Amino acid sequence: MTTPANDAHLVQLVRGALGRDPRTRSLPRVNVSSCKLVVTLHGSLTAEQGRAVREVVSGVDGVEGIVCKL
């Protein structure tokens, strides 16, 4: 896995992980941002979809925390 160099790189890694995972690749778009390696997720998803997104994001190397606004 790749360790992010900065927040912009971490956002790319998170988006890539969401696009590759079969549980999340077909979901409505999730807005992803990061500040000091803490990822913030915005979007309109069901509780089950939100859980899947959080699980995928928590598995990305370099994620220090998640703020979920799904």
PDB file of N, CA and C in Angstrom:
ATOM      1  N   MET A   1       0.838  -1.185   0.000  1.00  0.00           N
ATOM      2  CA  MET A   1       0.000   0.000   0.000  1.00  0.00           C
ATOM      3  C   MET A   1       0.881   1.246   0.000  1.00  0.00           C
ATOM      4  N   THR A   2       0.270   2.358  -0.361  1.00  0.00           N
ATOM      5  CA  THR A   2       0.989   3.617  -0.479  1.00  0.00           C
ATOM      6  C   THR A   2       0.664   4.516   0.700  1.00  0.00           C
ATOM      7  N   THR A   3       1.693   5.102   1.288  1.00  0.00           N
ATOM      8  CA  THR A   3       1.486   6.063   2.367  1.00  0.00           C
ATOM      9  C   THR A   3       1.361   7.446   1.731  1.00  0.00           C
ATOM     10  N   PRO A   4       0.328   8.205   2.097  1.00  0.00           N
ATOM     11  CA  PRO A   4       0.111   9.503   1.453  1.00  0.00           C
ATOM     12  C   PRO A   4       1.173  10.524   1.834  1.00  0.00           C
ATOM     13  N   ALA A   5       1.544  11.344   0.848  1.00  0.00           N
ATOM     14  CA  ALA A   5       2.523  12.395   1.088  1.00  0.00           C
ATOM     15  C   ALA A   5       1.868  13.628   1.702  1.00  0.00           C
ATOM     16  N   ASN A   6       0.565  13.820   1.418  1.00  0.00           N
ATOM     17  CA  ASN A   6      -0.157  14.997   1.903  1.00  0.00           C
ATOM     18  C   ASN A   6      -1.654  14.731   1.796  1.00  0.00           C
ATOM     19  N   ASP A   7      -2.447  15.714   2.155  1.00  0.00           N
ATOM     20  CA  ASP A   7      -3.907  15.542   2.137  1.00  0.00           C
ATOM     21  C   ASP A   7      -4.455  15.304   0.732  1.00  0.00           C
ATOM     22  N   ALA A   8      -3.928  16.002  -0.262  1.00  0.00           N
ATOM     23  CA  ALA A   8      -4.419  15.815  -1.630  1.00  0.00           C
ATOM     24  C   ALA A   8      -4.159  14.387  -2.092  1.00  0.00           C
ATOM     25  N   HIS A   9      -3.002  13.860  -1.765  1.00  0.00           N
ATOM     26  CA  HIS A   9      -2.678  12.481  -2.132  1.00  0.00           C
ATOM     27  C   HIS A   9      -3.591  11.506  -1.393  1.00  0.00           C
ATOM     28  N   LEU A  10      -3.864  11.774  -0.135  1.00  0.00           N
ATOM     29  CA  LEU A  10      -4.752  10.910   0.634  1.00  0.00           C
ATOM     30  C   LEU A  10      -6.154  10.877   0.022  1.00  0.00           C
ATOM     31  N   VAL A  11      -6.654  12.021  -0.418  1.00  0.00           N
ATOM     32  CA  VAL A  11      -7.968  12.066  -1.064  1.00  0.00           C
ATOM     33  C   VAL A  11      -7.967  11.174  -2.301  1.00  0.00           C
ATOM     34  N   GLN A  12      -6.911  11.216  -3.094  1.00  0.00           N
ATOM     35  CA  GLN A  12      -6.802  10.360  -4.279  1.00  0.00           C
ATOM     36  C   GLN A  12      -6.823   8.886  -3.884  1.00  0.00           C
ATOM     37  N   LEU A  13      -6.088   8.537  -2.831  1.00  0.00           N
ATOM     38  CA  LEU A  13      -6.051   7.147  -2.378  1.00  0.00           C
ATOM     39  C   LEU A  13      -7.430   6.680  -1.914  1.00  0.00           C
ATOM     40  N   VAL A  14      -8.138   7.540  -1.187  1.00  0.00           N
ATOM     41  CA  VAL A  14      -9.472   7.188  -0.690  1.00  0.00           C
ATOM     42  C   VAL A  14     -10.440   7.020  -1.861  1.00  0.00           C
ATOM     43  N   ARG A  15     -10.431   7.956  -2.795  1.00  0.00           N
ATOM     44  CA  ARG A  15     -11.320   7.846  -3.964  1.00  0.00           C
ATOM     45  C   ARG A  15     -11.026   6.573  -4.753  1.00  0.00           C
ATOM     46  N   GLY A  16      -9.753   6.251  -4.899  1.00  0.00           N
ATOM     47  CA  GLY A  16      -9.375   5.027  -5.603  1.00  0.00           C
ATOM     48  C   GLY A  16      -9.889   3.789  -4.901  1.00  0.00           C
ATOM     49  N   ALA A  17      -9.760   3.772  -3.577  1.00  0.00           N
ATOM     50  CA  ALA A  17     -10.230   2.619  -2.795  1.00  0.00           C
ATOM     51  C   ALA A  17     -11.740   2.468  -2.913  1.00  0.00           C
ATOM     52  N   LEU A  18     -12.461   3.581  -2.873  1.00  0.00           N
ATOM     53  CA  LEU A  18     -13.920   3.524  -3.010  1.00  0.00           C
ATOM     54  C   LEU A  18     -14.320   3.032  -4.398  1.00  0.00           C
ATOM     55  N   GLY A  19     -13.559   3.398  -5.410  1.00  0.00           N
ATOM     56  CA  GLY A  19     -13.856   2.979  -6.772  1.00  0.00           C
ATOM     57  C   GLY A  19     -13.532   1.520  -7.043  1.00  0.00           C
ATOM     58  N   ARG A  20     -12.589   0.958  -6.293  1.00  0.00           N
ATOM     59  CA  ARG A  20     -12.196  -0.435  -6.495  1.00  0.00           C
ATOM     60  C   ARG A  20     -13.019  -1.423  -5.692  1.00  0.00           C
ATOM     61  N   ASP A  21     -13.548  -0.999  -4.563  1.00  0.00           N
ATOM     62  CA  ASP A  21     -14.254  -1.935  -3.686  1.00  0.00           C
ATOM     63  C   ASP A  21     -15.647  -2.238  -4.243  1.00  0.00           C
ATOM     64  N   PRO A  22     -15.997  -3.525  -4.375  1.00  0.00           N
ATOM     65  CA  PRO A  22     -17.304  -3.875  -4.941  1.00  0.00           C
ATOM     66  C   PRO A  22     -18.488  -3.357  -4.118  1.00  0.00           C
ATOM     67  N   ARG A  23     -18.291  -3.102  -2.830  1.00  0.00           N
ATOM     68  CA  ARG A  23     -19.384  -2.600  -1.995  1.00  0.00           C
ATOM     69  C   ARG A  23     -19.672  -1.128  -2.240  1.00  0.00           C
ATOM     70  N   THR A  24     -18.684  -0.390  -2.765  1.00  0.00           N
ATOM     71  CA  THR A  24     -18.839   1.060  -2.859  1.00  0.00           C
ATOM     72  C   THR A  24     -18.715   1.618  -4.276  1.00  0.00           C
ATOM     73  N   ARG A  25     -18.257   0.831  -5.225  1.00  0.00           N
ATOM     74  CA  ARG A  25     -17.980   1.384  -6.562  1.00  0.00           C
ATOM     75  C   ARG A  25     -19.231   1.867  -7.290  1.00  0.00           C
ATOM     76  N   SER A  26     -20.390   1.315  -6.996  1.00  0.00           N
ATOM     77  CA  SER A  26     -21.598   1.723  -7.717  1.00  0.00           C
ATOM     78  C   SER A  26     -22.495   2.669  -6.898  1.00  0.00           C
ATOM     79  N   LEU A  27     -21.993   3.123  -5.765  1.00  0.00           N
ATOM     80  CA  LEU A  27     -22.777   4.035  -4.923  1.00  0.00           C
ATOM     81  C   LEU A  27     -22.806   5.439  -5.513  1.00  0.00           C
ATOM     82  N   PRO A  28     -23.784   6.246  -5.089  1.00  0.00           N
ATOM     83  CA  PRO A  28     -23.766   7.657  -5.492  1.00  0.00           C
ATOM     84  C   PRO A  28     -22.454   8.303  -5.045  1.00  0.00           C
ATOM     85  N   ARG A  29     -22.074   9.341  -5.731  1.00  0.00           N
ATOM     86  CA  ARG A  29     -20.787  10.000  -5.446  1.00  0.00           C
ATOM     87  C   ARG A  29     -20.697  10.450  -3.984  1.00  0.00           C
ATOM     88  N   VAL A  30     -19.567  10.149  -3.390  1.00  0.00           N
ATOM     89  CA  VAL A  30     -19.252  10.596  -2.033  1.00  0.00           C
ATOM     90  C   VAL A  30     -18.195  11.682  -2.165  1.00  0.00           C
ATOM     91  N   ASN A  31     -18.445  12.840  -1.578  1.00  0.00           N
ATOM     92  CA  ASN A  31     -17.447  13.908  -1.580  1.00  0.00           C
ATOM     93  C   ASN A  31     -16.430  13.615  -0.490  1.00  0.00           C
ATOM     94  N   VAL A  32     -15.170  13.690  -0.859  1.00  0.00           N
ATOM     95  CA  VAL A  32     -14.075  13.353   0.044  1.00  0.00           C
ATOM     96  C   VAL A  32     -13.156  14.558   0.171  1.00  0.00           C
ATOM     97  N   SER A  33     -12.846  14.923   1.407  1.00  0.00           N
ATOM     98  CA  SER A  33     -11.837  15.951   1.648  1.00  0.00           C
ATOM     99  C   SER A  33     -10.962  15.472   2.799  1.00  0.00           C
ATOM    100  N   SER A  34      -9.835  16.128   2.982  1.00  0.00           N
ATOM    101  CA  SER A  34      -8.920  15.725   4.044  1.00  0.00           C
ATOM    102  C   SER A  34      -8.187  16.945   4.588  1.00  0.00           C
ATOM    103  N   CYS A  35      -8.007  16.961   5.893  1.00  0.00           N
ATOM    104  CA  CYS A  35      -7.241  18.001   6.559  1.00  0.00           C
ATOM    105  C   CYS A  35      -6.406  17.329   7.641  1.00  0.00           C
ATOM    106  N   LYS A  36      -5.098  17.450   7.528  1.00  0.00           N
ATOM    107  CA  LYS A  36      -4.169  16.823   8.475  1.00  0.00           C
ATOM    108  C   LYS A  36      -4.419  15.324   8.568  1.00  0.00           C
ATOM    109  N   LEU A  37      -4.697  14.707   7.396  1.00  0.00           N
ATOM    110  CA  LEU A  37      -4.899  13.268   7.234  1.00  0.00           C
ATOM    111  C   LEU A  37      -6.168  12.740   7.919  1.00  0.00           C
ATOM    112  N   VAL A  38      -7.068  13.657   8.278  1.00  0.00           N
ATOM    113  CA  VAL A  38      -8.392  13.266   8.759  1.00  0.00           C
ATOM    114  C   VAL A  38      -9.357  13.465   7.592  1.00  0.00           C
ATOM    115  N   VAL A  39      -9.986  12.388   7.163  1.00  0.00           N
ATOM    116  CA  VAL A  39     -10.847  12.390   5.982  1.00  0.00           C
ATOM    117  C   VAL A  39     -12.272  12.750   6.386  1.00  0.00           C
ATOM    118  N   THR A  40     -12.874  13.680   5.634  1.00  0.00           N
ATOM    119  CA  THR A  40     -14.272  14.036   5.834  1.00  0.00           C
ATOM    120  C   THR A  40     -15.059  13.542   4.628  1.00  0.00           C
ATOM    121  N   LEU A  41     -16.166  12.847   4.914  1.00  0.00           N
ATOM    122  CA  LEU A  41     -17.021  12.266   3.885  1.00  0.00           C
ATOM    123  C   LEU A  41     -18.369  12.962   3.903  1.00  0.00           C
ATOM    124  N   HIS A  42     -18.826  13.418   2.723  1.00  0.00           N
ATOM    125  CA  HIS A  42     -20.130  14.068   2.579  1.00  0.00           C
ATOM    126  C   HIS A  42     -20.910  13.336   1.501  1.00  0.00           C
ATOM    127  N   GLY A  43     -22.208  13.174   1.710  1.00  0.00           N
ATOM    128  CA  GLY A  43     -23.041  12.582   0.683  1.00  0.00           C
ATOM    129  C   GLY A  43     -24.354  12.087   1.255  1.00  0.00           C
ATOM    130  N   SER A  44     -25.207  11.644   0.361  1.00  0.00           N
ATOM    131  CA  SER A  44     -26.506  11.114   0.757  1.00  0.00           C
ATOM    132  C   SER A  44     -26.528   9.615   0.496  1.00  0.00           C
ATOM    133  N   LEU A  45     -26.378   8.844   1.553  1.00  0.00           N
ATOM    134  CA  LEU A  45     -26.349   7.389   1.460  1.00  0.00           C
ATOM    135  C   LEU A  45     -27.223   6.792   2.549  1.00  0.00           C
ATOM    136  N   THR A  46     -27.596   5.533   2.380  1.00  0.00           N
ATOM    137  CA  THR A  46     -28.299   4.824   3.439  1.00  0.00           C
ATOM    138  C   THR A  46     -27.293   4.503   4.546  1.00  0.00           C
ATOM    139  N   ALA A  47     -27.803   4.086   5.694  1.00  0.00           N
ATOM    140  CA  ALA A  47     -26.919   3.719   6.806  1.00  0.00           C
ATOM    141  C   ALA A  47     -25.987   2.581   6.407  1.00  0.00           C
ATOM    142  N   GLU A  48     -26.519   1.594   5.693  1.00  0.00           N
ATOM    143  CA  GLU A  48     -25.703   0.449   5.272  1.00  0.00           C
ATOM    144  C   GLU A  48     -24.619   0.876   4.284  1.00  0.00           C
ATOM    145  N   GLN A  49     -24.967   1.737   3.351  1.00  0.00           N
ATOM    146  CA  GLN A  49     -23.981   2.238   2.399  1.00  0.00           C
ATOM    147  C   GLN A  49     -22.902   3.049   3.117  1.00  0.00           C
ATOM    148  N   GLY A  50     -23.325   3.861   4.077  1.00  0.00           N
ATOM    149  CA  GLY A  50     -22.371   4.656   4.852  1.00  0.00           C
ATOM    150  C   GLY A  50     -21.397   3.789   5.626  1.00  0.00           C
ATOM    151  N   ARG A  51     -21.895   2.687   6.183  1.00  0.00           N
ATOM    152  CA  ARG A  51     -21.013   1.756   6.896  1.00  0.00           C
ATOM    153  C   ARG A  51     -19.964   1.181   5.954  1.00  0.00           C
ATOM    154  N   ALA A  52     -20.392   0.799   4.766  1.00  0.00           N
ATOM    155  CA  ALA A  52     -19.464   0.233   3.788  1.00  0.00           C
ATOM    156  C   ALA A  52     -18.395   1.264   3.413  1.00  0.00           C
ATOM    157  N   VAL A  53     -18.805   2.501   3.198  1.00  0.00           N
ATOM    158  CA  VAL A  53     -17.855   3.555   2.851  1.00  0.00           C
ATOM    159  C   VAL A  53     -16.852   3.753   3.986  1.00  0.00           C
ATOM    160  N   ARG A  54     -17.333   3.827   5.216  1.00  0.00           N
ATOM    161  CA  ARG A  54     -16.435   4.014   6.359  1.00  0.00           C
ATOM    162  C   ARG A  54     -15.454   2.848   6.482  1.00  0.00           C
ATOM    163  N   GLU A  55     -15.928   1.619   6.254  1.00  0.00           N
ATOM    164  CA  GLU A  55     -15.044   0.461   6.333  1.00  0.00           C
ATOM    165  C   GLU A  55     -13.933   0.542   5.296  1.00  0.00           C
ATOM    166  N   VAL A  56     -14.295   0.917   4.079  1.00  0.00           N
ATOM    167  CA  VAL A  56     -13.292   1.025   3.016  1.00  0.00           C
ATOM    168  C   VAL A  56     -12.289   2.130   3.353  1.00  0.00           C
ATOM    169  N   VAL A  57     -12.791   3.288   3.752  1.00  0.00           N
ATOM    170  CA  VAL A  57     -11.913   4.422   4.038  1.00  0.00           C
ATOM    171  C   VAL A  57     -10.995   4.119   5.215  1.00  0.00           C
ATOM    172  N   SER A  58     -11.507   3.450   6.227  1.00  0.00           N
ATOM    173  CA  SER A  58     -10.659   3.143   7.392  1.00  0.00           C
ATOM    174  C   SER A  58      -9.525   2.192   7.031  1.00  0.00           C
ATOM    175  N   GLY A  59      -9.660   1.465   5.924  1.00  0.00           N
ATOM    176  CA  GLY A  59      -8.608   0.553   5.498  1.00  0.00           C
ATOM    177  C   GLY A  59      -7.534   1.186   4.636  1.00  0.00           C
ATOM    178  N   VAL A  60      -7.666   2.470   4.333  1.00  0.00           N
ATOM    179  CA  VAL A  60      -6.680   3.162   3.502  1.00  0.00           C
ATOM    180  C   VAL A  60      -5.502   3.594   4.377  1.00  0.00           C
ATOM    181  N   ASP A  61      -4.293   3.226   3.965  1.00  0.00           N
ATOM    182  CA  ASP A  61      -3.095   3.628   4.712  1.00  0.00           C
ATOM    183  C   ASP A  61      -3.007   5.143   4.802  1.00  0.00           C
ATOM    184  N   GLY A  62      -2.715   5.642   5.978  1.00  0.00           N
ATOM    185  CA  GLY A  62      -2.515   7.069   6.177  1.00  0.00           C
ATOM    186  C   GLY A  62      -3.718   7.799   6.748  1.00  0.00           C
ATOM    187  N   VAL A  63      -4.884   7.170   6.740  1.00  0.00           N
ATOM    188  CA  VAL A  63      -6.070   7.814   7.299  1.00  0.00           C
ATOM    189  C   VAL A  63      -5.935   7.859   8.821  1.00  0.00           C
ATOM    190  N   GLU A  64      -5.874   9.063   9.360  1.00  0.00           N
ATOM    191  CA  GLU A  64      -5.724   9.243  10.807  1.00  0.00           C
ATOM    192  C   GLU A  64      -7.067   9.290  11.524  1.00  0.00           C
ATOM    193  N   GLY A  65      -8.121   9.609  10.794  1.00  0.00           N
ATOM    194  CA  GLY A  65      -9.453   9.687  11.373  1.00  0.00           C
ATOM    195  C   GLY A  65     -10.470   9.935  10.285  1.00  0.00           C
ATOM    196  N   ILE A  66     -11.748   9.745  10.630  1.00  0.00           N
ATOM    197  CA  ILE A  66     -12.830   9.934   9.668  1.00  0.00           C
ATOM    198  C   ILE A  66     -13.910  10.785  10.311  1.00  0.00           C
ATOM    199  N   VAL A  67     -14.345  11.828   9.597  1.00  0.00           N
ATOM    200  CA  VAL A  67     -15.499  12.620   9.981  1.00  0.00           C
ATOM    201  C   VAL A  67     -16.575  12.279   8.961  1.00  0.00           C
ATOM    202  N   CYS A  68     -17.648  11.688   9.427  1.00  0.00           N
ATOM    203  CA  CYS A  68     -18.673  11.167   8.537  1.00  0.00           C
ATOM    204  C   CYS A  68     -19.897  12.085   8.536  1.00  0.00           C
ATOM    205  N   LYS A  69     -20.181  12.671   7.400  1.00  0.00           N
ATOM    206  CA  LYS A  69     -21.359  13.525   7.226  1.00  0.00           C
ATOM    207  C   LYS A  69     -22.215  12.956   6.108  1.00  0.00           C
ATOM    208  N   LEU A  70     -22.385  11.638   6.159  1.00  0.00           N
ATOM    209  CA  LEU A  70     -23.159  10.947   5.130  1.00  0.00           C
ATOM    210  C   LEU A  70     -24.609  10.872   5.541  1.00  0.00           C
TER     211      LEU A  70
END
